[in-house]
Amino acid sequence: KEEKIKGRIRSIRVIVSVSGHKDDRRG
């Protein structure tokens, strides 16, 4: 939550690649 502006949020989105895991979403 953004504390200084009512009703707003702050967010981060990160995209990474990891080797393998073709059928292993959990891994």
mmCIF file of all heavy atoms, coordinates in Angstrom:
data_MODEL
# 
_entry.id   MODEL 
# 
loop_
_atom_site.group_PDB 
_atom_site.id 
_atom_site.type_symbol 
_atom_site.label_atom_id 
_atom_site.label_alt_id 
_atom_site.label_comp_id 
_atom_site.label_asym_id 
_atom_site.label_entity_id 
_atom_site.label_seq_id 
_atom_site.pdbx_PDB_ins_code 
_atom_site.Cartn_x 
_atom_site.Cartn_y 
_atom_site.Cartn_z 
_atom_site.occupancy 
_atom_site.B_iso_or_equiv 
_atom_site.pdbx_formal_charge 
_atom_site.auth_seq_id 
_atom_site.auth_comp_id 
_atom_site.auth_asym_id 
_atom_site.auth_atom_id 
_atom_site.pdbx_PDB_model_num 
ATOM 1   N N   . LYS A 1 1  ? 0.839   -1.196  0.000   1.00 0.00 ? 1  LYS A N   1 
ATOM 2   C CA  . LYS A 1 1  ? 0.000   0.000   0.000   1.00 0.00 ? 1  LYS A CA  1 
ATOM 3   C C   . LYS A 1 1  ? 0.872   1.243   0.000   1.00 0.00 ? 1  LYS A C   1 
ATOM 4   O O   . LYS A 1 1  ? 1.899   1.289   0.666   1.00 0.00 ? 1  LYS A O   1 
ATOM 5   C CB  . LYS A 1 1  ? -0.908  0.031   1.227   1.00 0.00 ? 1  LYS A CB  1 
ATOM 6   C CG  . LYS A 1 1  ? -2.030  -0.960  1.167   1.00 0.00 ? 1  LYS A CG  1 
ATOM 7   C CD  . LYS A 1 1  ? -2.941  -0.800  2.370   1.00 0.00 ? 1  LYS A CD  1 
ATOM 8   C CE  . LYS A 1 1  ? -4.081  -1.786  2.290   1.00 0.00 ? 1  LYS A CE  1 
ATOM 9   N NZ  . LYS A 1 1  ? -4.997  -1.654  3.412   1.00 0.00 ? 1  LYS A NZ  1 
ATOM 10  N N   . GLU A 1 2  ? 0.457   2.229   -0.741  1.00 0.00 ? 2  GLU A N   1 
ATOM 11  C CA  . GLU A 1 2  ? 1.106   3.541   -0.728  1.00 0.00 ? 2  GLU A CA  1 
ATOM 12  C C   . GLU A 1 2  ? 0.484   4.316   0.418   1.00 0.00 ? 2  GLU A C   1 
ATOM 13  O O   . GLU A 1 2  ? -0.709  4.614   0.398   1.00 0.00 ? 2  GLU A O   1 
ATOM 14  C CB  . GLU A 1 2  ? 0.887   4.256   -2.063  1.00 0.00 ? 2  GLU A CB  1 
ATOM 15  C CG  . GLU A 1 2  ? 1.248   5.712   -2.078  1.00 0.00 ? 2  GLU A CG  1 
ATOM 16  C CD  . GLU A 1 2  ? 2.710   5.974   -1.761  1.00 0.00 ? 2  GLU A CD  1 
ATOM 17  O OE1 . GLU A 1 2  ? 3.571   5.610   -2.544  1.00 0.00 ? 2  GLU A OE1 1 
ATOM 18  O OE2 . GLU A 1 2  ? 2.947   6.552   -0.682  1.00 0.00 ? 2  GLU A OE2 1 
ATOM 19  N N   . GLU A 1 3  ? 1.250   4.602   1.428   1.00 0.00 ? 3  GLU A N   1 
ATOM 20  C CA  . GLU A 1 3  ? 0.724   5.227   2.639   1.00 0.00 ? 3  GLU A CA  1 
ATOM 21  C C   . GLU A 1 3  ? 0.407   6.715   2.466   1.00 0.00 ? 3  GLU A C   1 
ATOM 22  O O   . GLU A 1 3  ? -0.459  7.253   3.136   1.00 0.00 ? 3  GLU A O   1 
ATOM 23  C CB  . GLU A 1 3  ? 1.700   5.039   3.805   1.00 0.00 ? 3  GLU A CB  1 
ATOM 24  C CG  . GLU A 1 3  ? 1.950   3.581   4.161   1.00 0.00 ? 3  GLU A CG  1 
ATOM 25  C CD  . GLU A 1 3  ? 0.705   2.832   4.618   1.00 0.00 ? 3  GLU A CD  1 
ATOM 26  O OE1 . GLU A 1 3  ? -0.164  3.442   5.272   1.00 0.00 ? 3  GLU A OE1 1 
ATOM 27  O OE2 . GLU A 1 3  ? 0.604   1.631   4.316   1.00 0.00 ? 3  GLU A OE2 1 
ATOM 28  N N   . LYS A 1 4  ? 1.103   7.399   1.569   1.00 0.00 ? 4  LYS A N   1 
ATOM 29  C CA  . LYS A 1 4  ? 0.917   8.842   1.427   1.00 0.00 ? 4  LYS A CA  1 
ATOM 30  C C   . LYS A 1 4  ? -0.227  9.227   0.496   1.00 0.00 ? 4  LYS A C   1 
ATOM 31  O O   . LYS A 1 4  ? -0.747  10.334  0.575   1.00 0.00 ? 4  LYS A O   1 
ATOM 32  C CB  . LYS A 1 4  ? 2.209   9.485   0.930   1.00 0.00 ? 4  LYS A CB  1 
ATOM 33  C CG  . LYS A 1 4  ? 3.346   9.369   1.928   1.00 0.00 ? 4  LYS A CG  1 
ATOM 34  C CD  . LYS A 1 4  ? 4.606   9.990   1.407   1.00 0.00 ? 4  LYS A CD  1 
ATOM 35  C CE  . LYS A 1 4  ? 5.731   9.796   2.409   1.00 0.00 ? 4  LYS A CE  1 
ATOM 36  N NZ  . LYS A 1 4  ? 7.005   10.287  1.906   1.00 0.00 ? 4  LYS A NZ  1 
ATOM 37  N N   . ILE A 1 5  ? -0.621  8.318   -0.399  1.00 0.00 ? 5  ILE A N   1 
ATOM 38  C CA  . ILE A 1 5  ? -1.696  8.617   -1.347  1.00 0.00 ? 5  ILE A CA  1 
ATOM 39  C C   . ILE A 1 5  ? -2.784  7.567   -1.172  1.00 0.00 ? 5  ILE A C   1 
ATOM 40  O O   . ILE A 1 5  ? -2.605  6.398   -1.504  1.00 0.00 ? 5  ILE A O   1 
ATOM 41  C CB  . ILE A 1 5  ? -1.171  8.603   -2.807  1.00 0.00 ? 5  ILE A CB  1 
ATOM 42  C CG1 . ILE A 1 5  ? -0.006  9.576   -2.969  1.00 0.00 ? 5  ILE A CG1 1 
ATOM 43  C CG2 . ILE A 1 5  ? -2.297  8.935   -3.768  1.00 0.00 ? 5  ILE A CG2 1 
ATOM 44  C CD1 . ILE A 1 5  ? 0.718   9.466   -4.281  1.00 0.00 ? 5  ILE A CD1 1 
ATOM 45  N N   . LYS A 1 6  ? -3.910  7.992   -0.656  1.00 0.00 ? 6  LYS A N   1 
ATOM 46  C CA  . LYS A 1 6  ? -5.008  7.080   -0.330  1.00 0.00 ? 6  LYS A CA  1 
ATOM 47  C C   . LYS A 1 6  ? -5.463  6.296   -1.564  1.00 0.00 ? 6  LYS A C   1 
ATOM 48  O O   . LYS A 1 6  ? -5.664  6.854   -2.635  1.00 0.00 ? 6  LYS A O   1 
ATOM 49  C CB  . LYS A 1 6  ? -6.178  7.886   0.237   1.00 0.00 ? 6  LYS A CB  1 
ATOM 50  C CG  . LYS A 1 6  ? -7.322  7.031   0.712   1.00 0.00 ? 6  LYS A CG  1 
ATOM 51  C CD  . LYS A 1 6  ? -8.424  7.859   1.319   1.00 0.00 ? 6  LYS A CD  1 
ATOM 52  C CE  . LYS A 1 6  ? -9.548  6.978   1.781   1.00 0.00 ? 6  LYS A CE  1 
ATOM 53  N NZ  . LYS A 1 6  ? -10.623 7.737   2.400   1.00 0.00 ? 6  LYS A NZ  1 
ATOM 54  N N   . GLY A 1 7  ? -5.631  4.982   -1.378  1.00 0.00 ? 7  GLY A N   1 
ATOM 55  C CA  . GLY A 1 7  ? -6.154  4.126   -2.428  1.00 0.00 ? 7  GLY A CA  1 
ATOM 56  C C   . GLY A 1 7  ? -5.144  3.709   -3.480  1.00 0.00 ? 7  GLY A C   1 
ATOM 57  O O   . GLY A 1 7  ? -5.503  3.089   -4.471  1.00 0.00 ? 7  GLY A O   1 
ATOM 58  N N   . ARG A 1 8  ? -3.871  4.013   -3.303  1.00 0.00 ? 8  ARG A N   1 
ATOM 59  C CA  . ARG A 1 8  ? -2.846  3.670   -4.290  1.00 0.00 ? 8  ARG A CA  1 
ATOM 60  C C   . ARG A 1 8  ? -1.935  2.567   -3.764  1.00 0.00 ? 8  ARG A C   1 
ATOM 61  O O   . ARG A 1 8  ? -1.843  2.338   -2.567  1.00 0.00 ? 8  ARG A O   1 
ATOM 62  C CB  . ARG A 1 8  ? -2.003  4.900   -4.657  1.00 0.00 ? 8  ARG A CB  1 
ATOM 63  C CG  . ARG A 1 8  ? -2.791  6.072   -5.170  1.00 0.00 ? 8  ARG A CG  1 
ATOM 64  C CD  . ARG A 1 8  ? -3.496  5.799   -6.447  1.00 0.00 ? 8  ARG A CD  1 
ATOM 65  N NE  . ARG A 1 8  ? -2.509  5.634   -7.514  1.00 0.00 ? 8  ARG A NE  1 
ATOM 66  C CZ  . ARG A 1 8  ? -2.813  5.323   -8.754  1.00 0.00 ? 8  ARG A CZ  1 
ATOM 67  N NH1 . ARG A 1 8  ? -4.045  5.125   -9.107  1.00 0.00 ? 8  ARG A NH1 1 
ATOM 68  N NH2 . ARG A 1 8  ? -1.881  5.195   -9.659  1.00 0.00 ? 8  ARG A NH2 1 
ATOM 69  N N   . ILE A 1 9  ? -1.254  1.892   -4.682  1.00 0.00 ? 9  ILE A N   1 
ATOM 70  C CA  . ILE A 1 9  ? -0.288  0.865   -4.316  1.00 0.00 ? 9  ILE A CA  1 
ATOM 71  C C   . ILE A 1 9  ? 1.048   1.146   -4.996  1.00 0.00 ? 9  ILE A C   1 
ATOM 72  O O   . ILE A 1 9  ? 1.127   1.929   -5.936  1.00 0.00 ? 9  ILE A O   1 
ATOM 73  C CB  . ILE A 1 9  ? -0.760  -0.551  -4.713  1.00 0.00 ? 9  ILE A CB  1 
ATOM 74  C CG1 . ILE A 1 9  ? -0.916  -0.646  -6.245  1.00 0.00 ? 9  ILE A CG1 1 
ATOM 75  C CG2 . ILE A 1 9  ? -2.035  -0.935  -3.990  1.00 0.00 ? 9  ILE A CG2 1 
ATOM 76  C CD1 . ILE A 1 9  ? -1.066  -2.051  -6.762  1.00 0.00 ? 9  ILE A CD1 1 
ATOM 77  N N   . ARG A 1 10 ? 2.069   0.485   -4.506  1.00 0.00 ? 10 ARG A N   1 
ATOM 78  C CA  . ARG A 1 10 ? 3.376   0.453   -5.165  1.00 0.00 ? 10 ARG A CA  1 
ATOM 79  C C   . ARG A 1 10 ? 3.615   -0.999  -5.546  1.00 0.00 ? 10 ARG A C   1 
ATOM 80  O O   . ARG A 1 10 ? 3.213   -1.908  -4.808  1.00 0.00 ? 10 ARG A O   1 
ATOM 81  C CB  . ARG A 1 10 ? 4.487   0.896   -4.221  1.00 0.00 ? 10 ARG A CB  1 
ATOM 82  C CG  . ARG A 1 10 ? 4.426   2.346   -3.868  1.00 0.00 ? 10 ARG A CG  1 
ATOM 83  C CD  . ARG A 1 10 ? 5.626   2.704   -3.051  1.00 0.00 ? 10 ARG A CD  1 
ATOM 84  N NE  . ARG A 1 10 ? 5.220   2.726   -1.654  1.00 0.00 ? 10 ARG A NE  1 
ATOM 85  C CZ  . ARG A 1 10 ? 5.924   3.303   -0.701  1.00 0.00 ? 10 ARG A CZ  1 
ATOM 86  N NH1 . ARG A 1 10 ? 7.086   3.833   -0.973  1.00 0.00 ? 10 ARG A NH1 1 
ATOM 87  N NH2 . ARG A 1 10 ? 5.491   3.324   0.526   1.00 0.00 ? 10 ARG A NH2 1 
ATOM 88  N N   . SER A 1 11 ? 4.260   -1.225  -6.674  1.00 0.00 ? 11 SER A N   1 
ATOM 89  C CA  . SER A 1 11 ? 4.489   -2.610  -7.085  1.00 0.00 ? 11 SER A CA  1 
ATOM 90  C C   . SER A 1 11 ? 5.823   -2.779  -7.797  1.00 0.00 ? 11 SER A C   1 
ATOM 91  O O   . SER A 1 11 ? 6.371   -1.830  -8.349  1.00 0.00 ? 11 SER A O   1 
ATOM 92  C CB  . SER A 1 11 ? 3.357   -3.095  -7.990  1.00 0.00 ? 11 SER A CB  1 
ATOM 93  O OG  . SER A 1 11 ? 3.363   -2.384  -9.204  1.00 0.00 ? 11 SER A OG  1 
ATOM 94  N N   . ILE A 1 12 ? 6.296   -4.004  -7.747  1.00 0.00 ? 12 ILE A N   1 
ATOM 95  C CA  . ILE A 1 12 ? 7.498   -4.416  -8.451  1.00 0.00 ? 12 ILE A CA  1 
ATOM 96  C C   . ILE A 1 12 ? 7.138   -5.686  -9.217  1.00 0.00 ? 12 ILE A C   1 
ATOM 97  O O   . ILE A 1 12 ? 6.488   -6.582  -8.670  1.00 0.00 ? 12 ILE A O   1 
ATOM 98  C CB  . ILE A 1 12 ? 8.651   -4.746  -7.481  1.00 0.00 ? 12 ILE A CB  1 
ATOM 99  C CG1 . ILE A 1 12 ? 9.036   -3.530  -6.649  1.00 0.00 ? 12 ILE A CG1 1 
ATOM 100 C CG2 . ILE A 1 12 ? 9.861   -5.286  -8.242  1.00 0.00 ? 12 ILE A CG2 1 
ATOM 101 C CD1 . ILE A 1 12 ? 10.005  -3.855  -5.526  1.00 0.00 ? 12 ILE A CD1 1 
ATOM 102 N N   . ARG A 1 13 ? 7.581   -5.759  -10.465 1.00 0.00 ? 13 ARG A N   1 
ATOM 103 C CA  . ARG A 1 13 ? 7.431   -6.988  -11.242 1.00 0.00 ? 13 ARG A CA  1 
ATOM 104 C C   . ARG A 1 13 ? 8.813   -7.350  -11.770 1.00 0.00 ? 13 ARG A C   1 
ATOM 105 O O   . ARG A 1 13 ? 9.497   -6.514  -12.354 1.00 0.00 ? 13 ARG A O   1 
ATOM 106 C CB  . ARG A 1 13 ? 6.460   -6.801  -12.400 1.00 0.00 ? 13 ARG A CB  1 
ATOM 107 C CG  . ARG A 1 13 ? 6.229   -8.081  -13.161 1.00 0.00 ? 13 ARG A CG  1 
ATOM 108 C CD  . ARG A 1 13 ? 5.170   -7.929  -14.200 1.00 0.00 ? 13 ARG A CD  1 
ATOM 109 N NE  . ARG A 1 13 ? 5.699   -7.132  -15.301 1.00 0.00 ? 13 ARG A NE  1 
ATOM 110 C CZ  . ARG A 1 13 ? 5.127   -7.053  -16.478 1.00 0.00 ? 13 ARG A CZ  1 
ATOM 111 N NH1 . ARG A 1 13 ? 3.984   -7.655  -16.695 1.00 0.00 ? 13 ARG A NH1 1 
ATOM 112 N NH2 . ARG A 1 13 ? 5.665   -6.330  -17.432 1.00 0.00 ? 13 ARG A NH2 1 
ATOM 113 N N   . VAL A 1 14 ? 9.231   -8.593  -11.542 1.00 0.00 ? 14 VAL A N   1 
ATOM 114 C CA  . VAL A 1 14 ? 10.551  -9.042  -11.957 1.00 0.00 ? 14 VAL A CA  1 
ATOM 115 C C   . VAL A 1 14 ? 10.381  -10.293 -12.820 1.00 0.00 ? 14 VAL A C   1 
ATOM 116 O O   . VAL A 1 14 ? 9.648   -11.211 -12.457 1.00 0.00 ? 14 VAL A O   1 
ATOM 117 C CB  . VAL A 1 14 ? 11.444  -9.372  -10.741 1.00 0.00 ? 14 VAL A CB  1 
ATOM 118 C CG1 . VAL A 1 14 ? 12.823  -9.813  -11.190 1.00 0.00 ? 14 VAL A CG1 1 
ATOM 119 C CG2 . VAL A 1 14 ? 11.545  -8.177  -9.799  1.00 0.00 ? 14 VAL A CG2 1 
ATOM 120 N N   . ILE A 1 15 ? 11.083  -10.305 -13.948 1.00 0.00 ? 15 ILE A N   1 
ATOM 121 C CA  . ILE A 1 15 ? 11.044  -11.447 -14.854 1.00 0.00 ? 15 ILE A CA  1 
ATOM 122 C C   . ILE A 1 15 ? 12.446  -12.039 -14.915 1.00 0.00 ? 15 ILE A C   1 
ATOM 123 O O   . ILE A 1 15 ? 13.408  -11.330 -15.190 1.00 0.00 ? 15 ILE A O   1 
ATOM 124 C CB  . ILE A 1 15 ? 10.592  -11.019 -16.262 1.00 0.00 ? 15 ILE A CB  1 
ATOM 125 C CG1 . ILE A 1 15 ? 9.213   -10.352 -16.199 1.00 0.00 ? 15 ILE A CG1 1 
ATOM 126 C CG2 . ILE A 1 15 ? 10.575  -12.225 -17.202 1.00 0.00 ? 15 ILE A CG2 1 
ATOM 127 C CD1 . ILE A 1 15 ? 8.814   -9.649  -17.473 1.00 0.00 ? 15 ILE A CD1 1 
ATOM 128 N N   . VAL A 1 16 ? 12.564  -13.332 -14.640 1.00 0.00 ? 16 VAL A N   1 
ATOM 129 C CA  . VAL A 1 16 ? 13.855  -14.025 -14.693 1.00 0.00 ? 16 VAL A CA  1 
ATOM 130 C C   . VAL A 1 16 ? 13.694  -15.327 -15.463 1.00 0.00 ? 16 VAL A C   1 
ATOM 131 O O   . VAL A 1 16 ? 12.597  -15.855 -15.591 1.00 0.00 ? 16 VAL A O   1 
ATOM 132 C CB  . VAL A 1 16 ? 14.417  -14.330 -13.279 1.00 0.00 ? 16 VAL A CB  1 
ATOM 133 C CG1 . VAL A 1 16 ? 14.686  -13.056 -12.514 1.00 0.00 ? 16 VAL A CG1 1 
ATOM 134 C CG2 . VAL A 1 16 ? 13.498  -15.240 -12.499 1.00 0.00 ? 16 VAL A CG2 1 
ATOM 135 N N   . SER A 1 17 ? 14.810  -15.832 -15.970 1.00 0.00 ? 17 SER A N   1 
ATOM 136 C CA  . SER A 1 17 ? 14.823  -17.138 -16.631 1.00 0.00 ? 17 SER A CA  1 
ATOM 137 C C   . SER A 1 17 ? 15.660  -18.096 -15.796 1.00 0.00 ? 17 SER A C   1 
ATOM 138 O O   . SER A 1 17 ? 16.712  -17.723 -15.277 1.00 0.00 ? 17 SER A O   1 
ATOM 139 C CB  . SER A 1 17 ? 15.422  -17.022 -18.030 1.00 0.00 ? 17 SER A CB  1 
ATOM 140 O OG  . SER A 1 17 ? 14.560  -16.298 -18.873 1.00 0.00 ? 17 SER A OG  1 
ATOM 141 N N   . VAL A 1 18 ? 15.175  -19.325 -15.676 1.00 0.00 ? 18 VAL A N   1 
ATOM 142 C CA  . VAL A 1 18 ? 15.909  -20.380 -14.987 1.00 0.00 ? 18 VAL A CA  1 
ATOM 143 C C   . VAL A 1 18 ? 16.000  -21.581 -15.929 1.00 0.00 ? 18 VAL A C   1 
ATOM 144 O O   . VAL A 1 18 ? 15.095  -21.823 -16.724 1.00 0.00 ? 18 VAL A O   1 
ATOM 145 C CB  . VAL A 1 18 ? 15.239  -20.770 -13.648 1.00 0.00 ? 18 VAL A CB  1 
ATOM 146 C CG1 . VAL A 1 18 ? 15.317  -19.622 -12.657 1.00 0.00 ? 18 VAL A CG1 1 
ATOM 147 C CG2 . VAL A 1 18 ? 13.801  -21.197 -13.836 1.00 0.00 ? 18 VAL A CG2 1 
ATOM 148 N N   . SER A 1 19 ? 17.092  -22.312 -15.846 1.00 0.00 ? 19 SER A N   1 
ATOM 149 C CA  . SER A 1 19 ? 17.307  -23.452 -16.748 1.00 0.00 ? 19 SER A CA  1 
ATOM 150 C C   . SER A 1 19 ? 16.321  -24.577 -16.471 1.00 0.00 ? 19 SER A C   1 
ATOM 151 O O   . SER A 1 19 ? 15.998  -24.874 -15.318 1.00 0.00 ? 19 SER A O   1 
ATOM 152 C CB  . SER A 1 19 ? 18.733  -23.986 -16.576 1.00 0.00 ? 19 SER A CB  1 
ATOM 153 O OG  . SER A 1 19 ? 19.651  -23.014 -16.976 1.00 0.00 ? 19 SER A OG  1 
ATOM 154 N N   . GLY A 1 20 ? 15.867  -25.188 -17.566 1.00 0.00 ? 20 GLY A N   1 
ATOM 155 C CA  . GLY A 1 20 ? 15.047  -26.394 -17.470 1.00 0.00 ? 20 GLY A CA  1 
ATOM 156 C C   . GLY A 1 20 ? 13.645  -26.178 -16.937 1.00 0.00 ? 20 GLY A C   1 
ATOM 157 O O   . GLY A 1 20 ? 12.999  -25.185 -17.225 1.00 0.00 ? 20 GLY A O   1 
ATOM 158 N N   . HIS A 1 21 ? 13.161  -27.178 -16.179 1.00 0.00 ? 21 HIS A N   1 
ATOM 159 C CA  . HIS A 1 21 ? 11.834  -27.163 -15.536 1.00 0.00 ? 21 HIS A CA  1 
ATOM 160 C C   . HIS A 1 21 ? 10.688  -27.230 -16.532 1.00 0.00 ? 21 HIS A C   1 
ATOM 161 O O   . HIS A 1 21 ? 9.632   -26.625 -16.329 1.00 0.00 ? 21 HIS A O   1 
ATOM 162 C CB  . HIS A 1 21 ? 11.670  -25.937 -14.632 1.00 0.00 ? 21 HIS A CB  1 
ATOM 163 C CG  . HIS A 1 21 ? 12.668  -25.856 -13.538 1.00 0.00 ? 21 HIS A CG  1 
ATOM 164 N ND1 . HIS A 1 21 ? 12.648  -26.695 -12.458 1.00 0.00 ? 21 HIS A ND1 1 
ATOM 165 C CD2 . HIS A 1 21 ? 13.741  -25.052 -13.369 1.00 0.00 ? 21 HIS A CD2 1 
ATOM 166 C CE1 . HIS A 1 21 ? 13.648  -26.398 -11.653 1.00 0.00 ? 21 HIS A CE1 1 
ATOM 167 N NE2 . HIS A 1 21 ? 14.349  -25.406 -12.186 1.00 0.00 ? 21 HIS A NE2 1 
ATOM 168 N N   . LYS A 1 22 ? 10.845  -27.996 -17.616 1.00 0.00 ? 22 LYS A N   1 
ATOM 169 C CA  . LYS A 1 22 ? 9.815   -28.082 -18.650 1.00 0.00 ? 22 LYS A CA  1 
ATOM 170 C C   . LYS A 1 22 ? 8.427   -28.377 -18.075 1.00 0.00 ? 22 LYS A C   1 
ATOM 171 O O   . LYS A 1 22 ? 7.466   -27.695 -18.389 1.00 0.00 ? 22 LYS A O   1 
ATOM 172 C CB  . LYS A 1 22 ? 10.191  -29.149 -19.670 1.00 0.00 ? 22 LYS A CB  1 
ATOM 173 C CG  . LYS A 1 22 ? 9.176   -29.308 -20.775 1.00 0.00 ? 22 LYS A CG  1 
ATOM 174 C CD  . LYS A 1 22 ? 9.611   -30.337 -21.789 1.00 0.00 ? 22 LYS A CD  1 
ATOM 175 C CE  . LYS A 1 22 ? 8.579   -30.437 -22.889 1.00 0.00 ? 22 LYS A CE  1 
ATOM 176 N NZ  . LYS A 1 22 ? 8.968   -31.425 -23.897 1.00 0.00 ? 22 LYS A NZ  1 
ATOM 177 N N   . ASP A 1 23 ? 8.319   -29.393 -17.253 1.00 0.00 ? 23 ASP A N   1 
ATOM 178 C CA  . ASP A 1 23 ? 7.021   -29.788 -16.692 1.00 0.00 ? 23 ASP A CA  1 
ATOM 179 C C   . ASP A 1 23 ? 6.984   -29.635 -15.177 1.00 0.00 ? 23 ASP A C   1 
ATOM 180 O O   . ASP A 1 23 ? 6.213   -30.305 -14.496 1.00 0.00 ? 23 ASP A O   1 
ATOM 181 C CB  . ASP A 1 23 ? 6.706   -31.243 -17.066 1.00 0.00 ? 23 ASP A CB  1 
ATOM 182 C CG  . ASP A 1 23 ? 6.568   -31.423 -18.568 1.00 0.00 ? 23 ASP A CG  1 
ATOM 183 O OD1 . ASP A 1 23 ? 5.921   -30.571 -19.205 1.00 0.00 ? 23 ASP A OD1 1 
ATOM 184 O OD2 . ASP A 1 23 ? 7.122   -32.411 -19.099 1.00 0.00 ? 23 ASP A OD2 1 
ATOM 185 N N   . ASP A 1 24 ? 7.806   -28.753 -14.654 1.00 0.00 ? 24 ASP A N   1 
ATOM 186 C CA  . ASP A 1 24 ? 7.935   -28.601 -13.204 1.00 0.00 ? 24 ASP A CA  1 
ATOM 187 C C   . ASP A 1 24 ? 7.766   -27.137 -12.801 1.00 0.00 ? 24 ASP A C   1 
ATOM 188 O O   . ASP A 1 24 ? 8.728   -26.447 -12.492 1.00 0.00 ? 24 ASP A O   1 
ATOM 189 C CB  . ASP A 1 24 ? 9.304   -29.133 -12.759 1.00 0.00 ? 24 ASP A CB  1 
ATOM 190 C CG  . ASP A 1 24 ? 9.515   -29.055 -11.256 1.00 0.00 ? 24 ASP A CG  1 
ATOM 191 O OD1 . ASP A 1 24 ? 8.528   -28.915 -10.503 1.00 0.00 ? 24 ASP A OD1 1 
ATOM 192 O OD2 . ASP A 1 24 ? 10.682  -29.124 -10.836 1.00 0.00 ? 24 ASP A OD2 1 
ATOM 193 N N   . ARG A 1 25 ? 6.520   -26.677 -12.822 1.00 0.00 ? 25 ARG A N   1 
ATOM 194 C CA  . ARG A 1 25 ? 6.243   -25.273 -12.488 1.00 0.00 ? 25 ARG A CA  1 
ATOM 195 C C   . ARG A 1 25 ? 6.663   -24.948 -11.057 1.00 0.00 ? 25 ARG A C   1 
ATOM 196 O O   . ARG A 1 25 ? 7.208   -23.879 -10.784 1.00 0.00 ? 25 ARG A O   1 
ATOM 197 C CB  . ARG A 1 25 ? 4.758   -24.981 -12.693 1.00 0.00 ? 25 ARG A CB  1 
ATOM 198 C CG  . ARG A 1 25 ? 4.427   -23.538 -12.467 1.00 0.00 ? 25 ARG A CG  1 
ATOM 199 C CD  . ARG A 1 25 ? 2.993   -23.237 -12.822 1.00 0.00 ? 25 ARG A CD  1 
ATOM 200 N NE  . ARG A 1 25 ? 2.800   -21.793 -12.714 1.00 0.00 ? 25 ARG A NE  1 
ATOM 201 C CZ  . ARG A 1 25 ? 1.677   -21.241 -12.363 1.00 0.00 ? 25 ARG A CZ  1 
ATOM 202 N NH1 . ARG A 1 25 ? 0.617   -21.975 -12.118 1.00 0.00 ? 25 ARG A NH1 1 
ATOM 203 N NH2 . ARG A 1 25 ? 1.582   -19.943 -12.271 1.00 0.00 ? 25 ARG A NH2 1 
ATOM 204 N N   . ARG A 1 26 ? 6.435   -25.864 -10.149 1.00 0.00 ? 26 ARG A N   1 
ATOM 205 C CA  . ARG A 1 26 ? 6.786   -25.633 -8.746  1.00 0.00 ? 26 ARG A CA  1 
ATOM 206 C C   . ARG A 1 26 ? 8.302   -25.477 -8.588  1.00 0.00 ? 26 ARG A C   1 
ATOM 207 O O   . ARG A 1 26 ? 8.787   -24.582 -7.911  1.00 0.00 ? 26 ARG A O   1 
ATOM 208 C CB  . ARG A 1 26 ? 6.283   -26.770 -7.857  1.00 0.00 ? 26 ARG A CB  1 
ATOM 209 C CG  . ARG A 1 26 ? 6.535   -26.527 -6.372  1.00 0.00 ? 26 ARG A CG  1 
ATOM 210 C CD  . ARG A 1 26 ? 6.004   -27.653 -5.508  1.00 0.00 ? 26 ARG A CD  1 
ATOM 211 N NE  . ARG A 1 26 ? 4.590   -27.902 -5.675  1.00 0.00 ? 26 ARG A NE  1 
ATOM 212 C CZ  . ARG A 1 26 ? 3.615   -27.265 -5.019  1.00 0.00 ? 26 ARG A CZ  1 
ATOM 213 N NH1 . ARG A 1 26 ? 3.919   -26.347 -4.148  1.00 0.00 ? 26 ARG A NH1 1 
ATOM 214 N NH2 . ARG A 1 26 ? 2.351   -27.566 -5.227  1.00 0.00 ? 26 ARG A NH2 1 
ATOM 215 N N   . GLY A 1 27 ? 9.068   -26.339 -9.240  1.00 0.00 ? 27 GLY A N   1 
ATOM 216 C CA  . GLY A 1 27 ? 10.526  -26.245 -9.178  1.00 0.00 ? 27 GLY A CA  1 
ATOM 217 C C   . GLY A 1 27 ? 11.031  -24.959 -9.819  1.00 0.00 ? 27 GLY A C   1 
ATOM 218 O O   . GLY A 1 27 ? 11.950  -24.317 -9.306  1.00 0.00 ? 27 GLY A O   1 
# 
